[in-house]
Amino acid sequence: NLSFYGLGGTSSVDIMISNQIKPTRNIYGQNDRDQYFTSKLGLLASSL
């Protein structure tokens, strides 16, 4: 039996402080910087 399979994913989030025009409580990132984050995963495999 021969099989081929693949798995992949990408994710990103931008925590923008510079866009705030009024003081806003930020529950995710730091309040003194813009933060850009991306993660990726890719996988290719064959099984016999």
All heavy atoms as atom14 arrays in JSON, in Angstrom:
{
  "sequence": "NLSFYGLGGTSSVDIMISNQIKPTRNIYGQNDRDQYFTSKLGLLASSL",
  "atom14_mask": [
    [1, 1, 1, 1, 1, 1, 1, 1, 0, 0, 0, 0, 0, 0],
    [1, 1, 1, 1, 1, 1, 1, 1, 0, 0, 0, 0, 0, 0],
    [1, 1, 1, 1, 1, 1, 0, 0, 0, 0, 0, 0, 0, 0],
    [1, 1, 1, 1, 1, 1, 1, 1, 1, 1, 1, 0, 0, 0],
    [1, 1, 1, 1, 1, 1, 1, 1, 1, 1, 1, 1, 0, 0],
    [1, 1, 1, 1, 0, 0, 0, 0, 0, 0, 0, 0, 0, 0],
    [1, 1, 1, 1, 1, 1, 1, 1, 0, 0, 0, 0, 0, 0],
    [1, 1, 1, 1, 0, 0, 0, 0, 0, 0, 0, 0, 0, 0],
    [1, 1, 1, 1, 0, 0, 0, 0, 0, 0, 0, 0, 0, 0],
    [1, 1, 1, 1, 1, 1, 1, 0, 0, 0, 0, 0, 0, 0],
    [1, 1, 1, 1, 1, 1, 0, 0, 0, 0, 0, 0, 0, 0],
    [1, 1, 1, 1, 1, 1, 0, 0, 0, 0, 0, 0, 0, 0],
    [1, 1, 1, 1, 1, 1, 1, 0, 0, 0, 0, 0, 0, 0],
    [1, 1, 1, 1, 1, 1, 1, 1, 0, 0, 0, 0, 0, 0],
    [1, 1, 1, 1, 1, 1, 1, 1, 0, 0, 0, 0, 0, 0],
    [1, 1, 1, 1, 1, 1, 1, 1, 0, 0, 0, 0, 0, 0],
    [1, 1, 1, 1, 1, 1, 1, 1, 0, 0, 0, 0, 0, 0],
    [1, 1, 1, 1, 1, 1, 0, 0, 0, 0, 0, 0, 0, 0],
    [1, 1, 1, 1, 1, 1, 1, 1, 0, 0, 0, 0, 0, 0],
    [1, 1, 1, 1, 1, 1, 1, 1, 1, 0, 0, 0, 0, 0],
    [1, 1, 1, 1, 1, 1, 1, 1, 0, 0, 0, 0, 0, 0],
    [1, 1, 1, 1, 1, 1, 1, 1, 1, 0, 0, 0, 0, 0],
    [1, 1, 1, 1, 1, 1, 1, 0, 0, 0, 0, 0, 0, 0],
    [1, 1, 1, 1, 1, 1, 1, 0, 0, 0, 0, 0, 0, 0],
    [1, 1, 1, 1, 1, 1, 1, 1, 1, 1, 1, 0, 0, 0],
    [1, 1, 1, 1, 1, 1, 1, 1, 0, 0, 0, 0, 0, 0],
    [1, 1, 1, 1, 1, 1, 1, 1, 0, 0, 0, 0, 0, 0],
    [1, 1, 1, 1, 1, 1, 1, 1, 1, 1, 1, 1, 0, 0],
    [1, 1, 1, 1, 0, 0, 0, 0, 0, 0, 0, 0, 0, 0],
    [1, 1, 1, 1, 1, 1, 1, 1, 1, 0, 0, 0, 0, 0],
    [1, 1, 1, 1, 1, 1, 1, 1, 0, 0, 0, 0, 0, 0],
    [1, 1, 1, 1, 1, 1, 1, 1, 0, 0, 0, 0, 0, 0],
    [1, 1, 1, 1, 1, 1, 1, 1, 1, 1, 1, 0, 0, 0],
    [1, 1, 1, 1, 1, 1, 1, 1, 0, 0, 0, 0, 0, 0],
    [1, 1, 1, 1, 1, 1, 1, 1, 1, 0, 0, 0, 0, 0],
    [1, 1, 1, 1, 1, 1, 1, 1, 1, 1, 1, 1, 0, 0],
    [1, 1, 1, 1, 1, 1, 1, 1, 1, 1, 1, 0, 0, 0],
    [1, 1, 1, 1, 1, 1, 1, 0, 0, 0, 0, 0, 0, 0],
    [1, 1, 1, 1, 1, 1, 0, 0, 0, 0, 0, 0, 0, 0],
    [1, 1, 1, 1, 1, 1, 1, 1, 1, 0, 0, 0, 0, 0],
    [1, 1, 1, 1, 1, 1, 1, 1, 0, 0, 0, 0, 0, 0],
    [1, 1, 1, 1, 0, 0, 0, 0, 0, 0, 0, 0, 0, 0],
    [1, 1, 1, 1, 1, 1, 1, 1, 0, 0, 0, 0, 0, 0],
    [1, 1, 1, 1, 1, 1, 1, 1, 0, 0, 0, 0, 0, 0],
    [1, 1, 1, 1, 1, 0, 0, 0, 0, 0, 0, 0, 0, 0],
    [1, 1, 1, 1, 1, 1, 0, 0, 0, 0, 0, 0, 0, 0],
    [1, 1, 1, 1, 1, 1, 0, 0, 0, 0, 0, 0, 0, 0],
    [1, 1, 1, 1, 1, 1, 1, 1, 0, 0, 0, 0, 0, 0]
  ],
  "atom14_positions": [
    [[0.85, -1.19, 0.0], [0.0, 0.0, 0.0], [0.89, 1.25, 0.0], [1.85, 1.34, 0.77], [-0.91, 0.02, 1.22], [-1.98, 1.09, 1.13], [-3.06, 0.87, 0.59], [-1.69, 2.28, 1.66], [0.0, 0.0, 0.0], [0.0, 0.0, 0.0], [0.0, 0.0, 0.0], [0.0, 0.0, 0.0], [0.0, 0.0, 0.0], [0.0, 0.0, 0.0]],
    [[0.56, 2.19, -0.88], [1.33, 3.42, -1.0], [0.4, 4.6, -0.76], [-0.71, 4.65, -1.3], [1.96, 3.53, -2.4], [2.75, 4.81, -2.7], [3.99, 4.9, -1.81], [3.13, 4.84, -4.18], [0.0, 0.0, 0.0], [0.0, 0.0, 0.0], [0.0, 0.0, 0.0], [0.0, 0.0, 0.0], [0.0, 0.0, 0.0], [0.0, 0.0, 0.0]],
    [[0.84, 5.55, 0.06], [0.03, 6.74, 0.33], [0.9, 7.98, 0.31], [2.09, 7.93, 0.64], [-0.69, 6.61, 1.67], [0.22, 6.55, 2.75], [0.0, 0.0, 0.0], [0.0, 0.0, 0.0], [0.0, 0.0, 0.0], [0.0, 0.0, 0.0], [0.0, 0.0, 0.0], [0.0, 0.0, 0.0], [0.0, 0.0, 0.0], [0.0, 0.0, 0.0]],
    [[0.28, 9.08, -0.09], [0.91, 10.4, -0.07], [0.0, 11.33, 0.72], [-1.23, 11.3, 0.54], [1.1, 10.95, -1.49], [1.95, 10.09, -2.38], [1.36, 9.12, -3.19], [3.32, 10.25, -2.43], [2.12, 8.32, -4.02], [4.1, 9.45, -3.25], [3.5, 8.49, -4.04], [0.0, 0.0, 0.0], [0.0, 0.0, 0.0], [0.0, 0.0, 0.0]],
    [[0.58, 12.15, 1.57], [-0.25, 13.09, 2.31], [0.53, 14.36, 2.63], [1.77, 14.38, 2.63], [-0.8, 12.46, 3.6], [0.23, 11.94, 4.57], [0.72, 12.73, 5.6], [0.71, 10.63, 4.46], [1.65, 12.23, 6.5], [1.64, 10.12, 5.35], [2.11, 10.93, 6.37], [3.03, 10.45, 7.26], [0.0, 0.0, 0.0], [0.0, 0.0, 0.0]],
    [[-0.21, 15.42, 2.86], [0.4, 16.7, 3.17], [-0.45, 17.49, 4.14], [-1.68, 17.34, 4.18], [0.0, 0.0, 0.0], [0.0, 0.0, 0.0], [0.0, 0.0, 0.0], [0.0, 0.0, 0.0], [0.0, 0.0, 0.0], [0.0, 0.0, 0.0], [0.0, 0.0, 0.0], [0.0, 0.0, 0.0], [0.0, 0.0, 0.0], [0.0, 0.0, 0.0]],
    [[0.19, 18.31, 4.92], [-0.47, 19.13, 5.94], [0.18, 20.5, 5.94], [1.41, 20.61, 5.84], [-0.34, 18.47, 7.31], [-0.81, 19.26, 8.53], [-2.33, 19.34, 8.55], [-0.3, 18.61, 9.82], [0.0, 0.0, 0.0], [0.0, 0.0, 0.0], [0.0, 0.0, 0.0], [0.0, 0.0, 0.0], [0.0, 0.0, 0.0], [0.0, 0.0, 0.0]],
    [[-0.61, 21.55, 6.03], [-0.04, 22.88, 6.06], [-0.94, 23.88, 6.74], [-2.17, 23.7, 6.77], [0.0, 0.0, 0.0], [0.0, 0.0, 0.0], [0.0, 0.0, 0.0], [0.0, 0.0, 0.0], [0.0, 0.0, 0.0], [0.0, 0.0, 0.0], [0.0, 0.0, 0.0], [0.0, 0.0, 0.0], [0.0, 0.0, 0.0], [0.0, 0.0, 0.0]],
    [[-0.35, 24.91, 7.31], [-1.13, 25.96, 7.94], [-0.32, 27.23, 8.07], [0.91, 27.19, 8.18], [0.0, 0.0, 0.0], [0.0, 0.0, 0.0], [0.0, 0.0, 0.0], [0.0, 0.0, 0.0], [0.0, 0.0, 0.0], [0.0, 0.0, 0.0], [0.0, 0.0, 0.0], [0.0, 0.0, 0.0], [0.0, 0.0, 0.0], [0.0, 0.0, 0.0]],
    [[-1.0, 28.35, 8.02], [-0.35, 29.65, 8.22], [-1.25, 30.52, 9.08], [-2.48, 30.42, 9.0], [-0.05, 30.34, 6.87], [0.57, 31.6, 7.11], [-1.31, 30.54, 6.08], [0.0, 0.0, 0.0], [0.0, 0.0, 0.0], [0.0, 0.0, 0.0], [0.0, 0.0, 0.0], [0.0, 0.0, 0.0], [0.0, 0.0, 0.0], [0.0, 0.0, 0.0]],
    [[-0.64, 31.33, 9.91], [-1.41, 32.2, 10.81], [-0.67, 33.5, 11.0], [0.57, 33.55, 10.95], [-1.64, 31.51, 12.16], [-0.42, 31.11, 12.76], [0.0, 0.0, 0.0], [0.0, 0.0, 0.0], [0.0, 0.0, 0.0], [0.0, 0.0, 0.0], [0.0, 0.0, 0.0], [0.0, 0.0, 0.0], [0.0, 0.0, 0.0], [0.0, 0.0, 0.0]],
    [[-1.4, 34.57, 11.23], [-0.79, 35.88, 11.47], [-1.73, 36.73, 12.3], [-2.96, 36.57, 12.25], [-0.47, 36.59, 10.14], [-1.65, 36.87, 9.42], [0.0, 0.0, 0.0], [0.0, 0.0, 0.0], [0.0, 0.0, 0.0], [0.0, 0.0, 0.0], [0.0, 0.0, 0.0], [0.0, 0.0, 0.0], [0.0, 0.0, 0.0], [0.0, 0.0, 0.0]],
    [[-1.13, 37.61, 13.07], [-1.9, 38.58, 13.85], [-1.06, 39.84, 13.99], [0.14, 39.77, 14.21], [-2.3, 38.0, 15.23], [-1.07, 37.68, 16.06], [-3.22, 38.95, 15.98], [0.0, 0.0, 0.0], [0.0, 0.0, 0.0], [0.0, 0.0, 0.0], [0.0, 0.0, 0.0], [0.0, 0.0, 0.0], [0.0, 0.0, 0.0], [0.0, 0.0, 0.0]],
    [[-1.71, 40.99, 13.8], [-1.06, 42.28, 13.95], [-1.71, 43.02, 15.11], [-2.93, 43.26, 15.1], [-1.19, 43.12, 12.67], [-0.52, 42.46, 11.48], [0.4, 41.65, 11.69], [-0.92, 42.76, 10.34], [0.0, 0.0, 0.0], [0.0, 0.0, 0.0], [0.0, 0.0, 0.0], [0.0, 0.0, 0.0], [0.0, 0.0, 0.0], [0.0, 0.0, 0.0]],
    [[-0.91, 43.36, 16.1], [-1.39, 44.11, 17.25], [-0.9, 45.55, 17.07], [0.27, 45.86, 17.29], [-0.88, 43.51, 18.57], [-1.29, 42.03, 18.66], [-1.4, 44.28, 19.77], [-0.75, 41.32, 19.88], [0.0, 0.0, 0.0], [0.0, 0.0, 0.0], [0.0, 0.0, 0.0], [0.0, 0.0, 0.0], [0.0, 0.0, 0.0], [0.0, 0.0, 0.0]],
    [[-1.82, 46.42, 16.63], [-1.46, 47.77, 16.22], [-1.82, 48.78, 17.3], [-3.0, 49.03, 17.58], [-2.18, 48.11, 14.91], [-1.91, 47.11, 13.78], [-0.17, 47.04, 13.3], [0.04, 48.7, 12.66], [0.0, 0.0, 0.0], [0.0, 0.0, 0.0], [0.0, 0.0, 0.0], [0.0, 0.0, 0.0], [0.0, 0.0, 0.0], [0.0, 0.0, 0.0]],
    [[-0.78, 49.37, 17.89], [-0.98, 50.44, 18.86], [-1.02, 51.79, 18.16], [-1.73, 52.71, 18.58], [0.16, 50.42, 19.9], [0.21, 49.05, 20.59], [-0.03, 51.52, 20.94], [-1.05, 48.66, 21.3], [0.0, 0.0, 0.0], [0.0, 0.0, 0.0], [0.0, 0.0, 0.0], [0.0, 0.0, 0.0], [0.0, 0.0, 0.0], [0.0, 0.0, 0.0]],
    [[-0.28, 51.93, 17.05], [-0.2, 53.21, 16.35], [-1.53, 53.62, 15.73], [-1.73, 54.8, 15.43], [0.88, 53.15, 15.27], [0.6, 52.13, 14.33], [0.0, 0.0, 0.0], [0.0, 0.0, 0.0], [0.0, 0.0, 0.0], [0.0, 0.0, 0.0], [0.0, 0.0, 0.0], [0.0, 0.0, 0.0], [0.0, 0.0, 0.0], [0.0, 0.0, 0.0]],
    [[-2.45, 52.67, 15.54], [-3.76, 53.0, 14.96], [-4.73, 53.56, 15.99], [-5.79, 54.08, 15.62], [-4.39, 51.75, 14.33], [-3.66, 51.32, 13.08], [-2.88, 52.1, 12.52], [-3.9, 50.1, 12.64], [0.0, 0.0, 0.0], [0.0, 0.0, 0.0], [0.0, 0.0, 0.0], [0.0, 0.0, 0.0], [0.0, 0.0, 0.0], [0.0, 0.0, 0.0]],
    [[-4.4, 53.46, 17.25], [-5.31, 53.92, 18.29], [-5.33, 55.45, 18.34], [-4.28, 56.09, 18.43], [-4.89, 53.36, 19.65], [-4.95, 51.85, 19.74], [-4.45, 51.32, 21.08], [-4.07, 52.11, 21.95], [-4.44, 50.01, 21.24], [0.0, 0.0, 0.0], [0.0, 0.0, 0.0], [0.0, 0.0, 0.0], [0.0, 0.0, 0.0], [0.0, 0.0, 0.0]],
    [[-6.51, 56.0, 18.29], [-6.64, 57.46, 18.38], [-7.07, 57.89, 19.78], [-7.01, 59.07, 20.11], [-7.64, 57.99, 17.34], [-9.04, 57.38, 17.57], [-7.16, 57.69, 15.93], [-10.1, 57.99, 16.68], [0.0, 0.0, 0.0], [0.0, 0.0, 0.0], [0.0, 0.0, 0.0], [0.0, 0.0, 0.0], [0.0, 0.0, 0.0], [0.0, 0.0, 0.0]],
    [[-7.47, 56.91, 20.6], [-7.81, 57.18, 21.99], [-7.19, 56.11, 22.87], [-6.92, 55.0, 22.41], [-9.33, 57.21, 22.18], [-10.02, 58.4, 21.52], [-11.5, 58.46, 21.9], [-12.14, 59.69, 21.31], [-13.57, 59.81, 21.71], [0.0, 0.0, 0.0], [0.0, 0.0, 0.0], [0.0, 0.0, 0.0], [0.0, 0.0, 0.0], [0.0, 0.0, 0.0]],
    [[-6.93, 56.45, 24.14], [-6.39, 55.43, 25.05], [-7.29, 54.2, 25.08], [-8.5, 54.31, 25.31], [-6.36, 56.15, 26.4], [-6.27, 57.6, 26.05], [-7.07, 57.77, 24.79], [0.0, 0.0, 0.0], [0.0, 0.0, 0.0], [0.0, 0.0, 0.0], [0.0, 0.0, 0.0], [0.0, 0.0, 0.0], [0.0, 0.0, 0.0], [0.0, 0.0, 0.0]],
    [[-6.71, 53.04, 24.81], [-7.46, 51.79, 24.73], [-6.74, 50.71, 25.52], [-5.52, 50.59, 25.46], [-7.61, 51.32, 23.26], [-8.23, 52.35, 22.51], [-8.44, 50.05, 23.18], [0.0, 0.0, 0.0], [0.0, 0.0, 0.0], [0.0, 0.0, 0.0], [0.0, 0.0, 0.0], [0.0, 0.0, 0.0], [0.0, 0.0, 0.0], [0.0, 0.0, 0.0]],
    [[-7.51, 49.93, 26.24], [-6.93, 48.82, 26.98], [-6.59, 47.69, 26.01], [-7.45, 47.23, 25.27], [-7.91, 48.33, 28.06], [-7.4, 47.12, 28.85], [-8.35, 46.81, 30.01], [-7.95, 45.6, 30.71], [-8.49, 44.41, 30.45], [-9.43, 44.28, 29.54], [-8.1, 43.33, 31.11], [0.0, 0.0, 0.0], [0.0, 0.0, 0.0], [0.0, 0.0, 0.0]],
    [[-5.36, 47.25, 26.01], [-4.89, 46.19, 25.12], [-4.66, 44.92, 25.94], [-3.78, 44.89, 26.8], [-3.61, 46.63, 24.42], [-3.07, 45.54, 23.51], [-3.83, 44.73, 23.0], [-1.77, 45.54, 23.3], [0.0, 0.0, 0.0], [0.0, 0.0, 0.0], [0.0, 0.0, 0.0], [0.0, 0.0, 0.0], [0.0, 0.0, 0.0], [0.0, 0.0, 0.0]],
    [[-5.45, 43.89, 25.68], [-5.38, 42.69, 26.51], [-4.41, 41.64, 25.95], [-4.15, 40.64, 26.59], [-6.77, 42.06, 26.69], [-7.34, 41.62, 25.33], [-7.71, 43.03, 27.38], [-8.66, 40.87, 25.45], [0.0, 0.0, 0.0], [0.0, 0.0, 0.0], [0.0, 0.0, 0.0], [0.0, 0.0, 0.0], [0.0, 0.0, 0.0], [0.0, 0.0, 0.0]],
    [[-3.89, 41.86, 24.73], [-3.06, 40.83, 24.11], [-1.58, 41.19, 24.06], [-0.73, 40.38, 24.36], [-3.56, 40.54, 22.68], [-4.91, 39.9, 22.65], [-6.01, 40.58, 22.14], [-5.11, 38.61, 23.15], [-7.27, 39.99, 22.11], [-6.36, 38.02, 23.14], [-7.43, 38.71, 22.61], [-8.66, 38.14, 22.6], [0.0, 0.0, 0.0], [0.0, 0.0, 0.0]],
    [[-1.25, 42.39, 23.65], [0.15, 42.74, 23.45], [0.62, 43.81, 24.41], [-0.08, 44.19, 25.36], [0.0, 0.0, 0.0], [0.0, 0.0, 0.0], [0.0, 0.0, 0.0], [0.0, 0.0, 0.0], [0.0, 0.0, 0.0], [0.0, 0.0, 0.0], [0.0, 0.0, 0.0], [0.0, 0.0, 0.0], [0.0, 0.0, 0.0], [0.0, 0.0, 0.0]],
    [[1.82, 44.34, 24.11], [2.38, 45.42, 24.91], [1.83, 46.76, 24.41], [1.56, 46.93, 23.22], [3.91, 45.38, 24.83], [4.5, 44.12, 25.45], [5.97, 43.96, 25.13], [6.33, 43.46, 24.08], [6.83, 44.39, 26.04], [0.0, 0.0, 0.0], [0.0, 0.0, 0.0], [0.0, 0.0, 0.0], [0.0, 0.0, 0.0], [0.0, 0.0, 0.0]],
    [[1.73, 47.72, 25.3], [1.08, 48.98, 24.98], [2.02, 50.03, 24.4], [1.59, 51.17, 24.17], [0.4, 49.55, 26.23], [-0.86, 48.77, 26.6], [-1.74, 48.6, 25.77], [-0.92, 48.29, 27.83], [0.0, 0.0, 0.0], [0.0, 0.0, 0.0], [0.0, 0.0, 0.0], [0.0, 0.0, 0.0], [0.0, 0.0, 0.0], [0.0, 0.0, 0.0]],
    [[3.28, 49.67, 24.15], [4.22, 50.67, 23.65], [4.72, 50.36, 22.25], [5.62, 51.02, 21.76], [5.42, 50.8, 24.6], [6.24, 49.51, 24.67], [5.73, 48.46, 24.22], [7.37, 49.56, 25.18], [0.0, 0.0, 0.0], [0.0, 0.0, 0.0], [0.0, 0.0, 0.0], [0.0, 0.0, 0.0], [0.0, 0.0, 0.0], [0.0, 0.0, 0.0]],
    [[4.15, 49.34, 21.57], [4.7, 48.94, 20.27], [3.66, 48.27, 19.39], [2.7, 47.67, 19.85], [5.87, 47.97, 20.48], [5.49, 46.63, 21.1], [6.71, 45.85, 21.53], [7.45, 46.56, 22.56], [8.7, 46.24, 22.92], [9.31, 45.23, 22.33], [9.31, 46.92, 23.86], [0.0, 0.0, 0.0], [0.0, 0.0, 0.0], [0.0, 0.0, 0.0]],
    [[3.9, 48.39, 18.08], [3.17, 47.59, 17.1], [3.87, 46.25, 16.98], [5.1, 46.18, 16.91], [3.16, 48.28, 15.73], [2.27, 49.51, 15.7], [1.44, 49.67, 16.62], [2.42, 50.32, 14.77], [0.0, 0.0, 0.0], [0.0, 0.0, 0.0], [0.0, 0.0, 0.0], [0.0, 0.0, 0.0], [0.0, 0.0, 0.0], [0.0, 0.0, 0.0]],
    [[3.07, 45.18, 16.92], [3.63, 43.83, 16.86], [3.02, 43.07, 15.68], [1.8, 42.99, 15.56], [3.36, 43.07, 18.15], [3.97, 43.73, 19.38], [3.52, 43.06, 20.66], [3.94, 41.96, 20.97], [2.68, 43.74, 21.42], [0.0, 0.0, 0.0], [0.0, 0.0, 0.0], [0.0, 0.0, 0.0], [0.0, 0.0, 0.0], [0.0, 0.0, 0.0]],
    [[3.9, 42.55, 14.84], [3.48, 41.75, 13.7], [4.03, 40.33, 13.9], [5.23, 40.15, 14.09], [4.04, 42.33, 12.4], [3.7, 43.79, 12.17], [4.52, 44.8, 12.71], [2.59, 44.17, 11.43], [4.24, 46.14, 12.49], [2.3, 45.51, 11.21], [3.12, 46.49, 11.75], [2.84, 47.81, 11.54], [0.0, 0.0, 0.0], [0.0, 0.0, 0.0]],
    [[3.15, 39.35, 13.81], [3.59, 37.97, 14.06], [2.98, 37.04, 13.02], [1.78, 37.11, 12.71], [3.2, 37.51, 15.45], [3.62, 36.09, 15.75], [4.94, 35.79, 16.07], [2.71, 35.05, 15.66], [5.34, 34.49, 16.31], [3.1, 33.74, 15.9], [4.42, 33.46, 16.23], [0.0, 0.0, 0.0], [0.0, 0.0, 0.0], [0.0, 0.0, 0.0]],
    [[3.81, 36.12, 12.51], [3.37, 35.12, 11.53], [4.0, 33.78, 11.87], [5.17, 33.72, 12.25], [3.8, 35.53, 10.1], [3.2, 36.78, 9.76], [3.36, 34.47, 9.08], [0.0, 0.0, 0.0], [0.0, 0.0, 0.0], [0.0, 0.0, 0.0], [0.0, 0.0, 0.0], [0.0, 0.0, 0.0], [0.0, 0.0, 0.0], [0.0, 0.0, 0.0]],
    [[3.22, 32.72, 11.76], [3.76, 31.37, 11.91], [3.27, 30.51, 10.76], [2.16, 30.69, 10.25], [3.34, 30.75, 13.25], [1.94, 30.52, 13.29], [0.0, 0.0, 0.0], [0.0, 0.0, 0.0], [0.0, 0.0, 0.0], [0.0, 0.0, 0.0], [0.0, 0.0, 0.0], [0.0, 0.0, 0.0], [0.0, 0.0, 0.0], [0.0, 0.0, 0.0]],
    [[4.13, 29.57, 10.34], [3.81, 28.69, 9.21], [4.29, 27.28, 9.49], [5.3, 27.08, 10.17], [4.49, 29.19, 7.92], [4.12, 30.6, 7.5], [4.91, 31.03, 6.28], [4.59, 32.47, 5.87], [5.39, 32.9, 4.69], [0.0, 0.0, 0.0], [0.0, 0.0, 0.0], [0.0, 0.0, 0.0], [0.0, 0.0, 0.0], [0.0, 0.0, 0.0]],
    [[3.55, 26.32, 8.98], [3.95, 24.91, 9.05], [3.56, 24.22, 7.76], [2.44, 24.39, 7.27], [3.27, 24.21, 10.23], [3.45, 22.68, 10.3], [4.89, 22.33, 10.65], [2.5, 22.05, 11.31], [0.0, 0.0, 0.0], [0.0, 0.0, 0.0], [0.0, 0.0, 0.0], [0.0, 0.0, 0.0], [0.0, 0.0, 0.0], [0.0, 0.0, 0.0]],
    [[4.5, 23.45, 7.2], [4.22, 22.67, 6.01], [4.83, 21.29, 6.11], [5.93, 21.14, 6.65], [0.0, 0.0, 0.0], [0.0, 0.0, 0.0], [0.0, 0.0, 0.0], [0.0, 0.0, 0.0], [0.0, 0.0, 0.0], [0.0, 0.0, 0.0], [0.0, 0.0, 0.0], [0.0, 0.0, 0.0], [0.0, 0.0, 0.0], [0.0, 0.0, 0.0]],
    [[4.14, 20.28, 5.6], [4.58, 18.89, 5.73], [4.15, 18.11, 4.5], [2.98, 18.19, 4.08], [4.0, 18.28, 7.0], [4.29, 16.83, 7.37], [4.22, 16.65, 8.88], [3.27, 15.87, 6.72], [0.0, 0.0, 0.0], [0.0, 0.0, 0.0], [0.0, 0.0, 0.0], [0.0, 0.0, 0.0], [0.0, 0.0, 0.0], [0.0, 0.0, 0.0]],
    [[5.08, 17.35, 3.91], [4.78, 16.43, 2.81], [5.39, 15.08, 3.14], [6.54, 15.01, 3.58], [5.34, 16.95, 1.49], [4.62, 18.13, 0.83], [5.41, 18.63, -0.37], [3.2, 17.74, 0.41], [0.0, 0.0, 0.0], [0.0, 0.0, 0.0], [0.0, 0.0, 0.0], [0.0, 0.0, 0.0], [0.0, 0.0, 0.0], [0.0, 0.0, 0.0]],
    [[4.63, 14.01, 2.92], [5.11, 12.69, 3.31], [4.59, 11.63, 2.36], [3.57, 11.8, 1.69], [4.7, 12.36, 4.74], [0.0, 0.0, 0.0], [0.0, 0.0, 0.0], [0.0, 0.0, 0.0], [0.0, 0.0, 0.0], [0.0, 0.0, 0.0], [0.0, 0.0, 0.0], [0.0, 0.0, 0.0], [0.0, 0.0, 0.0], [0.0, 0.0, 0.0]],
    [[5.33, 10.53, 2.31], [4.93, 9.35, 1.56], [5.19, 8.13, 2.42], [6.22, 8.03, 3.08], [5.71, 9.25, 0.25], [5.38, 8.06, -0.44], [0.0, 0.0, 0.0], [0.0, 0.0, 0.0], [0.0, 0.0, 0.0], [0.0, 0.0, 0.0], [0.0, 0.0, 0.0], [0.0, 0.0, 0.0], [0.0, 0.0, 0.0], [0.0, 0.0, 0.0]],
    [[4.24, 7.19, 2.4], [4.35, 6.01, 3.25], [4.1, 4.75, 2.42], [3.15, 4.69, 1.64], [3.33, 6.11, 4.39], [3.43, 5.01, 5.26], [0.0, 0.0, 0.0], [0.0, 0.0, 0.0], [0.0, 0.0, 0.0], [0.0, 0.0, 0.0], [0.0, 0.0, 0.0], [0.0, 0.0, 0.0], [0.0, 0.0, 0.0], [0.0, 0.0, 0.0]],
    [[4.97, 3.76, 2.62], [4.86, 2.49, 1.91], [4.76, 1.36, 2.93], [5.66, 1.2, 3.77], [6.07, 2.26, 1.0], [6.11, 0.96, 0.21], [5.02, 0.97, -0.87], [7.48, 0.74, -0.43], [0.0, 0.0, 0.0], [0.0, 0.0, 0.0], [0.0, 0.0, 0.0], [0.0, 0.0, 0.0], [0.0, 0.0, 0.0], [0.0, 0.0, 0.0]]
  ]
}
